[in-house]
Amino acid sequence: MLLPFFVTLWFKKMKYLFIILLFAACKTKPTMQNDAVKLHAFRLKPGQDLKQEITSYVQQHKIEAGWIMTCVGSVTQYNLRFANQPEGNKATGHFEIVSLVGTVSINGSHLHMSVSDSTGKTIGGHLLDSNLVYTTAEIVIGEGKQMVFTREKDGTTPWEELQVKPKQ
């Protein structure tokens, strides 16, 4: 009579062990380990050109495969190329950087930025030269140490597009 009671008790206690073991067995290895990512953080000051300074930093630190993790700050002038337009669009004033995203490499970069004005109206596009820092631009770049980014024509579009290659 006591045997079924002890078996039931044993199974109730073992189910927690089973759940823990199941979670441990299901843990997957990330595709990129933390030790394969290097972080770069820097600050731009008033009057500096956002794109030129990012490009200079990438060249100086020989970043082969990087991406913008975050950027906060402001500009007194933006220069963005809107979708499917041949030329950039400039405006002056005081604008908050609400987003800066893209890939960076010594082999070429591709960056997009959004800014908002004093009413919150937001505009964005392809980052060009002549985006001038107002108070600051705080930038964090992640660098993948296991790959190389290049920009090459691959026949899918008329432009040089991102190519991701393993680092040799």
N, C-alpha and C. Protein backbone atom coordinates (compact mmCIF):
# COMPACT_ATOMS: atom_id res chain seq x y z
N MET A 1 0.79 -1.19 0.00
CA MET A 1 0.00 0.00 0.00
C MET A 1 0.84 1.26 0.00
N LEU A 2 1.97 1.26 0.67
CA LEU A 2 2.82 2.44 0.73
C LEU A 2 3.63 2.63 -0.54
N LEU A 3 3.86 1.56 -1.27
CA LEU A 3 4.68 1.66 -2.48
C LEU A 3 4.10 2.64 -3.49
N PRO A 4 2.80 2.58 -3.86
CA PRO A 4 2.27 3.57 -4.80
C PRO A 4 2.40 5.00 -4.28
N PHE A 5 2.25 5.21 -2.98
CA PHE A 5 2.40 6.53 -2.39
C PHE A 5 3.82 7.06 -2.60
N PHE A 6 4.83 6.22 -2.31
CA PHE A 6 6.22 6.65 -2.47
C PHE A 6 6.59 6.86 -3.95
N VAL A 7 6.06 6.03 -4.82
CA VAL A 7 6.33 6.19 -6.26
C VAL A 7 5.73 7.52 -6.73
N THR A 8 4.50 7.83 -6.32
CA THR A 8 3.86 9.09 -6.70
C THR A 8 4.65 10.27 -6.15
N LEU A 9 5.07 10.21 -4.92
CA LEU A 9 5.86 11.27 -4.30
C LEU A 9 7.19 11.45 -5.04
N TRP A 10 7.83 10.34 -5.39
CA TRP A 10 9.12 10.40 -6.09
C TRP A 10 8.94 11.07 -7.45
N PHE A 11 7.88 10.73 -8.19
CA PHE A 11 7.63 11.33 -9.50
C PHE A 11 7.35 12.83 -9.38
N LYS A 12 6.61 13.25 -8.35
CA LYS A 12 6.33 14.68 -8.17
C LYS A 12 7.61 15.46 -7.94
N LYS A 13 8.51 14.92 -7.14
CA LYS A 13 9.77 15.62 -6.86
C LYS A 13 10.70 15.57 -8.07
N MET A 14 10.67 14.48 -8.80
CA MET A 14 11.56 14.32 -9.95
C MET A 14 11.13 15.18 -11.14
N LYS A 15 9.84 15.56 -11.20
CA LYS A 15 9.42 16.36 -12.35
C LYS A 15 10.16 17.70 -12.39
N TYR A 16 10.48 18.27 -11.22
CA TYR A 16 11.22 19.52 -11.19
C TYR A 16 12.64 19.33 -11.71
N LEU A 17 13.25 18.24 -11.33
CA LEU A 17 14.59 17.92 -11.83
C LEU A 17 14.53 17.70 -13.34
N PHE A 18 13.50 17.01 -13.78
CA PHE A 18 13.33 16.76 -15.21
C PHE A 18 13.19 18.08 -15.98
N ILE A 19 12.40 19.03 -15.45
CA ILE A 19 12.20 20.33 -16.11
C ILE A 19 13.53 21.09 -16.18
N ILE A 20 14.29 21.07 -15.10
CA ILE A 20 15.58 21.75 -15.09
C ILE A 20 16.52 21.12 -16.12
N LEU A 21 16.57 19.82 -16.18
CA LEU A 21 17.42 19.13 -17.15
C LEU A 21 16.96 19.41 -18.57
N LEU A 22 15.66 19.48 -18.77
CA LEU A 22 15.12 19.78 -20.10
C LEU A 22 15.56 21.16 -20.57
N PHE A 23 15.45 22.17 -19.67
CA PHE A 23 15.90 23.52 -20.03
C PHE A 23 17.39 23.53 -20.32
N ALA A 24 18.17 22.83 -19.54
CA ALA A 24 19.62 22.78 -19.75
C ALA A 24 19.94 22.14 -21.10
N ALA A 25 19.20 21.12 -21.46
CA ALA A 25 19.44 20.44 -22.73
C ALA A 25 19.02 21.29 -23.92
N CYS A 26 18.04 22.16 -23.73
CA CYS A 26 17.52 22.99 -24.82
C CYS A 26 18.32 24.26 -25.03
N LYS A 27 19.21 24.59 -24.13
CA LYS A 27 19.99 25.81 -24.26
C LYS A 27 20.81 25.75 -25.55
N THR A 28 20.63 26.74 -26.38
CA THR A 28 21.35 26.76 -27.65
C THR A 28 22.53 27.71 -27.57
N LYS A 29 23.52 27.42 -28.33
CA LYS A 29 24.71 28.27 -28.39
C LYS A 29 24.41 29.43 -29.34
N PRO A 30 24.60 30.66 -28.90
CA PRO A 30 24.37 31.79 -29.80
C PRO A 30 25.26 31.71 -31.02
N THR A 31 24.79 32.28 -32.14
CA THR A 31 25.57 32.24 -33.36
C THR A 31 26.84 33.08 -33.25
N MET A 32 26.83 34.09 -32.36
CA MET A 32 28.02 34.89 -32.16
C MET A 32 28.25 35.04 -30.67
N GLN A 33 29.33 34.52 -30.18
CA GLN A 33 29.65 34.58 -28.76
C GLN A 33 30.05 36.00 -28.37
N ASN A 34 29.83 36.36 -27.12
CA ASN A 34 30.19 37.68 -26.63
C ASN A 34 31.67 37.98 -26.82
N ASP A 35 32.53 36.95 -26.68
CA ASP A 35 33.96 37.21 -26.83
C ASP A 35 34.33 37.51 -28.28
N ALA A 36 33.39 37.31 -29.21
CA ALA A 36 33.65 37.62 -30.61
C ALA A 36 33.16 39.01 -30.98
N VAL A 37 32.62 39.76 -30.03
CA VAL A 37 32.11 41.10 -30.28
C VAL A 37 32.92 42.10 -29.46
N LYS A 38 33.40 43.11 -30.14
CA LYS A 38 34.12 44.18 -29.47
C LYS A 38 33.23 45.42 -29.50
N LEU A 39 33.18 46.15 -28.40
CA LEU A 39 32.38 47.37 -28.34
C LEU A 39 33.26 48.60 -28.45
N HIS A 40 32.79 49.58 -29.20
CA HIS A 40 33.46 50.87 -29.35
C HIS A 40 32.46 51.93 -28.94
N ALA A 41 32.84 52.82 -28.06
CA ALA A 41 31.98 53.93 -27.65
C ALA A 41 32.77 55.22 -27.73
N PHE A 42 32.17 56.23 -28.32
CA PHE A 42 32.84 57.52 -28.42
C PHE A 42 31.80 58.63 -28.52
N ARG A 43 32.27 59.85 -28.31
CA ARG A 43 31.39 61.01 -28.31
C ARG A 43 31.90 62.05 -29.28
N LEU A 44 30.98 62.59 -30.07
CA LEU A 44 31.32 63.71 -30.95
C LEU A 44 30.89 65.00 -30.29
N LYS A 45 31.57 66.08 -30.65
CA LYS A 45 31.34 67.39 -30.03
C LYS A 45 30.73 68.36 -31.03
N PRO A 46 30.29 69.51 -30.56
CA PRO A 46 29.63 70.48 -31.43
C PRO A 46 30.45 70.82 -32.68
N GLY A 47 29.74 70.86 -33.81
CA GLY A 47 30.35 71.24 -35.08
C GLY A 47 30.93 70.08 -35.88
N GLN A 48 31.13 68.93 -35.26
CA GLN A 48 31.71 67.80 -35.99
C GLN A 48 30.68 67.21 -36.95
N ASP A 49 31.17 66.67 -38.06
CA ASP A 49 30.33 66.05 -39.08
C ASP A 49 30.10 64.59 -38.71
N LEU A 50 28.87 64.22 -38.48
CA LEU A 50 28.52 62.88 -37.99
C LEU A 50 29.06 61.76 -38.88
N LYS A 51 28.77 61.79 -40.15
CA LYS A 51 29.20 60.71 -41.05
C LYS A 51 30.72 60.69 -41.19
N GLN A 52 31.32 61.85 -41.38
CA GLN A 52 32.78 61.89 -41.55
C GLN A 52 33.50 61.37 -40.32
N GLU A 53 33.01 61.71 -39.13
CA GLU A 53 33.66 61.26 -37.90
C GLU A 53 33.48 59.76 -37.67
N ILE A 54 32.30 59.23 -38.00
CA ILE A 54 32.09 57.78 -37.90
C ILE A 54 33.02 57.06 -38.87
N THR A 55 33.10 57.55 -40.10
CA THR A 55 33.98 56.94 -41.10
C THR A 55 35.43 56.99 -40.64
N SER A 56 35.85 58.11 -40.10
CA SER A 56 37.22 58.27 -39.61
C SER A 56 37.50 57.29 -38.46
N TYR A 57 36.55 57.17 -37.54
CA TYR A 57 36.72 56.25 -36.41
C TYR A 57 36.85 54.81 -36.90
N VAL A 58 36.00 54.43 -37.83
CA VAL A 58 36.03 53.06 -38.39
C VAL A 58 37.38 52.80 -39.06
N GLN A 59 37.87 53.75 -39.82
CA GLN A 59 39.16 53.60 -40.50
C GLN A 59 40.30 53.53 -39.47
N GLN A 60 40.29 54.42 -38.50
CA GLN A 60 41.35 54.48 -37.49
C GLN A 60 41.42 53.19 -36.68
N HIS A 61 40.27 52.59 -36.37
CA HIS A 61 40.24 51.36 -35.56
C HIS A 61 40.15 50.09 -36.40
N LYS A 62 40.24 50.27 -37.72
CA LYS A 62 40.27 49.14 -38.67
C LYS A 62 39.11 48.16 -38.44
N ILE A 63 37.91 48.71 -38.33
CA ILE A 63 36.72 47.89 -38.13
C ILE A 63 36.31 47.29 -39.47
N GLU A 64 36.32 45.97 -39.54
CA GLU A 64 35.99 45.27 -40.79
C GLU A 64 34.52 44.86 -40.86
N ALA A 65 33.88 44.67 -39.71
CA ALA A 65 32.47 44.26 -39.68
C ALA A 65 31.82 44.88 -38.45
N GLY A 66 31.19 46.03 -38.64
CA GLY A 66 30.60 46.73 -37.51
C GLY A 66 29.17 47.15 -37.79
N TRP A 67 28.49 47.54 -36.71
CA TRP A 67 27.13 48.02 -36.82
C TRP A 67 26.89 49.05 -35.73
N ILE A 68 26.03 50.01 -36.04
CA ILE A 68 25.68 51.03 -35.06
C ILE A 68 24.72 50.38 -34.05
N MET A 69 25.12 50.36 -32.80
CA MET A 69 24.25 49.82 -31.75
C MET A 69 23.31 50.89 -31.21
N THR A 70 23.83 52.10 -31.06
CA THR A 70 22.99 53.22 -30.62
C THR A 70 23.70 54.54 -30.92
N CYS A 71 22.91 55.56 -31.02
CA CYS A 71 23.43 56.92 -31.14
C CYS A 71 22.35 57.86 -30.62
N VAL A 72 22.73 58.71 -29.69
CA VAL A 72 21.83 59.77 -29.23
C VAL A 72 22.58 61.08 -29.31
N GLY A 73 21.86 62.13 -29.57
CA GLY A 73 22.48 63.43 -29.66
C GLY A 73 21.61 64.38 -30.45
N SER A 74 22.24 65.39 -31.02
CA SER A 74 21.50 66.41 -31.75
C SER A 74 22.37 67.00 -32.86
N VAL A 75 21.69 67.58 -33.85
CA VAL A 75 22.38 68.23 -34.96
C VAL A 75 21.74 69.60 -35.22
N THR A 76 22.56 70.51 -35.76
CA THR A 76 22.03 71.82 -36.18
C THR A 76 21.74 71.84 -37.67
N GLN A 77 22.21 70.82 -38.35
CA GLN A 77 21.94 70.68 -39.78
C GLN A 77 21.87 69.21 -40.10
N TYR A 78 20.83 68.81 -40.83
CA TYR A 78 20.81 67.44 -41.34
C TYR A 78 20.94 67.46 -42.85
N ASN A 79 21.47 66.39 -43.38
CA ASN A 79 21.59 66.19 -44.82
C ASN A 79 21.31 64.71 -45.06
N LEU A 80 20.10 64.44 -45.55
CA LEU A 80 19.64 63.06 -45.75
C LEU A 80 19.15 62.87 -47.18
N ARG A 81 19.39 61.68 -47.70
CA ARG A 81 18.83 61.34 -49.02
C ARG A 81 17.61 60.48 -48.78
N PHE A 82 16.46 60.96 -49.22
CA PHE A 82 15.22 60.23 -49.01
C PHE A 82 15.10 59.08 -50.02
N ALA A 83 14.19 58.18 -49.75
CA ALA A 83 14.01 56.98 -50.57
C ALA A 83 13.80 57.33 -52.04
N ASN A 84 14.56 56.65 -52.88
CA ASN A 84 14.43 56.74 -54.34
C ASN A 84 14.64 58.15 -54.88
N GLN A 85 15.46 58.95 -54.20
CA GLN A 85 15.76 60.31 -54.64
C GLN A 85 17.25 60.40 -54.99
N PRO A 86 17.59 61.12 -56.04
CA PRO A 86 19.01 61.19 -56.44
C PRO A 86 19.85 62.14 -55.60
N GLU A 87 19.22 63.14 -54.99
CA GLU A 87 19.95 64.17 -54.25
C GLU A 87 19.54 64.18 -52.78
N GLY A 88 20.42 64.78 -51.95
CA GLY A 88 20.14 64.92 -50.53
C GLY A 88 19.21 66.08 -50.25
N ASN A 89 18.71 66.14 -49.03
CA ASN A 89 17.83 67.19 -48.58
C ASN A 89 18.40 67.76 -47.29
N LYS A 90 18.71 69.05 -47.28
CA LYS A 90 19.30 69.69 -46.10
C LYS A 90 18.29 70.59 -45.41
N ALA A 91 18.46 70.69 -44.09
CA ALA A 91 17.70 71.67 -43.32
C ALA A 91 18.55 72.07 -42.12
N THR A 92 18.38 73.31 -41.68
CA THR A 92 19.09 73.78 -40.50
C THR A 92 18.08 74.09 -39.40
N GLY A 93 18.54 74.02 -38.17
CA GLY A 93 17.70 74.24 -36.99
C GLY A 93 18.28 73.43 -35.85
N HIS A 94 17.41 72.99 -34.95
CA HIS A 94 17.83 72.14 -33.84
C HIS A 94 17.03 70.85 -33.92
N PHE A 95 17.73 69.74 -34.13
CA PHE A 95 17.10 68.45 -34.34
C PHE A 95 17.70 67.42 -33.40
N GLU A 96 16.83 66.59 -32.82
CA GLU A 96 17.27 65.47 -32.00
C GLU A 96 17.53 64.26 -32.91
N ILE A 97 18.62 63.55 -32.68
CA ILE A 97 18.84 62.29 -33.37
C ILE A 97 17.99 61.26 -32.64
N VAL A 98 17.00 60.72 -33.32
CA VAL A 98 16.13 59.73 -32.69
C VAL A 98 16.49 58.31 -33.14
N SER A 99 17.30 58.21 -34.18
CA SER A 99 17.74 56.89 -34.63
C SER A 99 18.92 57.05 -35.57
N LEU A 100 19.89 56.18 -35.41
CA LEU A 100 20.99 56.05 -36.36
C LEU A 100 21.29 54.57 -36.43
N VAL A 101 21.14 53.99 -37.61
CA VAL A 101 21.34 52.55 -37.79
C VAL A 101 22.19 52.31 -39.02
N GLY A 102 22.80 51.13 -39.07
CA GLY A 102 23.51 50.75 -40.27
C GLY A 102 24.72 49.89 -40.00
N THR A 103 25.38 49.54 -41.09
CA THR A 103 26.60 48.75 -41.03
C THR A 103 27.78 49.64 -41.36
N VAL A 104 28.92 49.37 -40.71
CA VAL A 104 30.14 50.13 -40.95
C VAL A 104 31.30 49.18 -41.17
N SER A 105 32.21 49.59 -42.04
CA SER A 105 33.39 48.79 -42.34
C SER A 105 34.43 49.67 -43.03
N ILE A 106 35.69 49.28 -42.90
CA ILE A 106 36.74 49.96 -43.66
C ILE A 106 36.52 49.76 -45.15
N ASN A 107 35.67 48.80 -45.51
CA ASN A 107 35.36 48.50 -46.91
C ASN A 107 34.10 49.20 -47.41
N GLY A 108 33.51 50.06 -46.58
CA GLY A 108 32.30 50.79 -46.97
C GLY A 108 31.23 50.65 -45.91
N SER A 109 30.42 51.68 -45.78
CA SER A 109 29.37 51.71 -44.77
C SER A 109 28.04 52.08 -45.39
N HIS A 110 26.96 51.82 -44.66
CA HIS A 110 25.61 52.16 -45.11
C HIS A 110 24.83 52.57 -43.87
N LEU A 111 24.49 53.86 -43.77
CA LEU A 111 23.89 54.41 -42.57
C LEU A 111 22.59 55.16 -42.88
N HIS A 112 21.60 55.00 -42.00
CA HIS A 112 20.35 55.75 -42.08
C HIS A 112 20.14 56.47 -40.76
N MET A 113 19.58 57.67 -40.81
CA MET A 113 19.33 58.45 -39.60
C MET A 113 17.92 59.04 -39.65
N SER A 114 17.31 59.14 -38.47
CA SER A 114 16.06 59.87 -38.29
C SER A 114 16.31 60.97 -37.27
N VAL A 115 15.74 62.15 -37.55
CA VAL A 115 15.83 63.28 -36.62
C VAL A 115 14.43 63.86 -36.42
N SER A 116 14.25 64.49 -35.26
CA SER A 116 12.96 65.15 -35.00
C SER A 116 13.20 66.61 -34.66
N ASP A 117 12.22 67.44 -35.01
CA ASP A 117 12.34 68.87 -34.71
C ASP A 117 11.68 69.19 -33.37
N SER A 118 11.53 70.46 -33.06
CA SER A 118 11.01 70.88 -31.75
C SER A 118 9.54 70.53 -31.56
N THR A 119 8.85 70.17 -32.62
CA THR A 119 7.44 69.77 -32.50
C THR A 119 7.29 68.25 -32.50
N GLY A 120 8.41 67.54 -32.67
CA GLY A 120 8.36 66.09 -32.71
C GLY A 120 8.24 65.52 -34.11
N LYS A 121 8.09 66.39 -35.10
CA LYS A 121 8.03 65.92 -36.48
C LYS A 121 9.35 65.21 -36.79
N THR A 122 9.24 64.00 -37.31
CA THR A 122 10.43 63.18 -37.54
C THR A 122 10.60 62.92 -39.03
N ILE A 123 11.85 62.94 -39.45
CA ILE A 123 12.20 62.69 -40.84
C ILE A 123 13.45 61.82 -40.86
N GLY A 124 13.56 60.98 -41.87
CA GLY A 124 14.72 60.10 -41.92
C GLY A 124 15.11 59.74 -43.33
N GLY A 125 16.32 59.24 -43.46
CA GLY A 125 16.82 58.82 -44.76
C GLY A 125 18.26 58.38 -44.68
N HIS A 126 18.87 58.26 -45.84
CA HIS A 126 20.26 57.82 -45.97
C HIS A 126 21.19 58.94 -45.48
N LEU A 127 22.08 58.61 -44.55
CA LEU A 127 22.99 59.60 -43.97
C LEU A 127 24.05 60.04 -44.99
N LEU A 128 24.13 61.33 -45.22
CA LEU A 128 25.14 61.91 -46.10
C LEU A 128 26.10 62.73 -45.25
N ASP A 129 27.13 63.30 -45.87
CA ASP A 129 28.00 64.25 -45.18
C ASP A 129 27.20 65.50 -44.84
N SER A 130 27.73 66.32 -43.94
CA SER A 130 27.15 67.62 -43.55
C SER A 130 25.99 67.50 -42.56
N ASN A 131 26.03 66.49 -41.70
CA ASN A 131 25.13 66.42 -40.55
C ASN A 131 25.96 66.90 -39.36
N LEU A 132 25.73 68.14 -38.94
CA LEU A 132 26.61 68.80 -37.99
C LEU A 132 26.09 68.69 -36.57
N VAL A 133 26.93 68.18 -35.68
CA VAL A 133 26.56 67.96 -34.28
C VAL A 133 26.26 69.29 -33.60
N TYR A 134 25.16 69.33 -32.85
CA TYR A 134 24.78 70.51 -32.08
C TYR A 134 25.41 70.46 -30.69
N THR A 135 24.94 69.60 -29.82
CA THR A 135 25.51 69.52 -28.47
C THR A 135 26.43 68.31 -28.32
N THR A 136 25.99 67.18 -28.84
CA THR A 136 26.76 65.94 -28.70
C THR A 136 26.19 64.89 -29.63
N ALA A 137 26.97 63.85 -29.87
CA ALA A 137 26.49 62.61 -30.49
C ALA A 137 27.24 61.50 -29.78
N GLU A 138 26.51 60.68 -29.05
CA GLU A 138 27.10 59.57 -28.30
C GLU A 138 26.85 58.29 -29.10
N ILE A 139 27.92 57.66 -29.53
CA ILE A 139 27.81 56.55 -30.48
C ILE A 139 28.42 55.29 -29.89
N VAL A 140 27.72 54.17 -30.07
CA VAL A 140 28.25 52.86 -29.70
C VAL A 140 28.21 51.99 -30.94
N ILE A 141 29.36 51.42 -31.28
CA ILE A 141 29.49 50.52 -32.43
C ILE A 141 29.86 49.13 -31.92
N GLY A 142 29.18 48.12 -32.43
CA GLY A 142 29.56 46.73 -32.18
C GLY A 142 30.41 46.25 -33.34
N GLU A 143 31.44 45.48 -33.04
CA GLU A 143 32.33 44.96 -34.09
C GLU A 143 32.39 43.44 -33.99
N GLY A 144 32.01 42.77 -35.06
CA GLY A 144 32.10 41.32 -35.13
C GLY A 144 33.50 40.91 -35.56
N LYS A 145 34.16 40.11 -34.74
CA LYS A 145 35.55 39.73 -35.02
C LYS A 145 35.66 38.47 -35.88
N GLN A 146 34.51 37.84 -36.20
CA GLN A 146 34.54 36.60 -36.96
C GLN A 146 34.18 36.78 -38.43
N MET A 147 33.93 38.04 -38.86
CA MET A 147 33.50 38.26 -40.23
C MET A 147 34.06 39.56 -40.79
N VAL A 148 33.87 39.72 -42.09
CA VAL A 148 34.29 40.92 -42.81
C VAL A 148 33.11 41.37 -43.66
N PHE A 149 32.80 42.67 -43.61
CA PHE A 149 31.79 43.26 -44.47
C PHE A 149 32.48 43.91 -45.66
N THR A 150 31.97 43.63 -46.84
CA THR A 150 32.41 44.34 -48.05
C THR A 150 31.16 44.85 -48.75
N ARG A 151 31.36 45.71 -49.72
CA ARG A 151 30.24 46.22 -50.52
C ARG A 151 30.62 45.96 -51.97
N GLU A 152 29.82 45.13 -52.63
CA GLU A 152 30.12 44.73 -54.00
C GLU A 152 28.83 44.64 -54.81
N LYS A 153 28.96 44.87 -56.10
CA LYS A 153 27.83 44.62 -56.99
C LYS A 153 27.69 43.11 -57.11
N ASP A 154 26.47 42.62 -56.88
CA ASP A 154 26.26 41.17 -56.96
C ASP A 154 25.21 40.80 -58.00
N GLY A 155 24.75 41.77 -58.78
CA GLY A 155 23.79 41.50 -59.83
C GLY A 155 22.33 41.57 -59.39
N THR A 156 22.08 41.67 -58.10
CA THR A 156 20.69 41.74 -57.64
C THR A 156 20.14 43.15 -57.72
N THR A 157 21.03 44.16 -57.63
CA THR A 157 20.65 45.56 -57.76
C THR A 157 21.78 46.26 -58.52
N PRO A 158 21.57 47.49 -58.96
CA PRO A 158 22.66 48.21 -59.63
C PRO A 158 23.71 48.78 -58.67
N TRP A 159 23.50 48.63 -57.36
CA TRP A 159 24.39 49.23 -56.38
C TRP A 159 25.31 48.21 -55.72
N GLU A 160 26.34 48.73 -55.08
CA GLU A 160 27.22 47.87 -54.28
C GLU A 160 26.49 47.56 -52.98
N GLU A 161 26.21 46.28 -52.76
CA GLU A 161 25.44 45.84 -51.60
C GLU A 161 26.34 45.11 -50.61
N LEU A 162 25.85 44.98 -49.38
CA LEU A 162 26.59 44.32 -48.32
C LEU A 162 26.85 42.85 -48.66
N GLN A 163 28.10 42.44 -48.49
CA GLN A 163 28.50 41.04 -48.59
C GLN A 163 29.16 40.68 -47.26
N VAL A 164 28.72 39.61 -46.65
CA VAL A 164 29.24 39.17 -45.35
C VAL A 164 30.06 37.92 -45.60
N LYS A 165 31.33 38.00 -45.18
CA LYS A 165 32.26 36.89 -45.39
C LYS A 165 32.90 36.48 -44.07
N PRO A 166 33.19 35.19 -43.91
CA PRO A 166 33.92 34.79 -42.70
C PRO A 166 35.33 35.35 -42.73
N LYS A 167 35.82 35.73 -41.57
CA LYS A 167 37.18 36.25 -41.48
C LYS A 167 38.17 35.11 -41.65
N GLN A 168 39.14 35.32 -42.49
CA GLN A 168 40.13 34.26 -42.79
C GLN A 168 41.20 34.19 -41.73
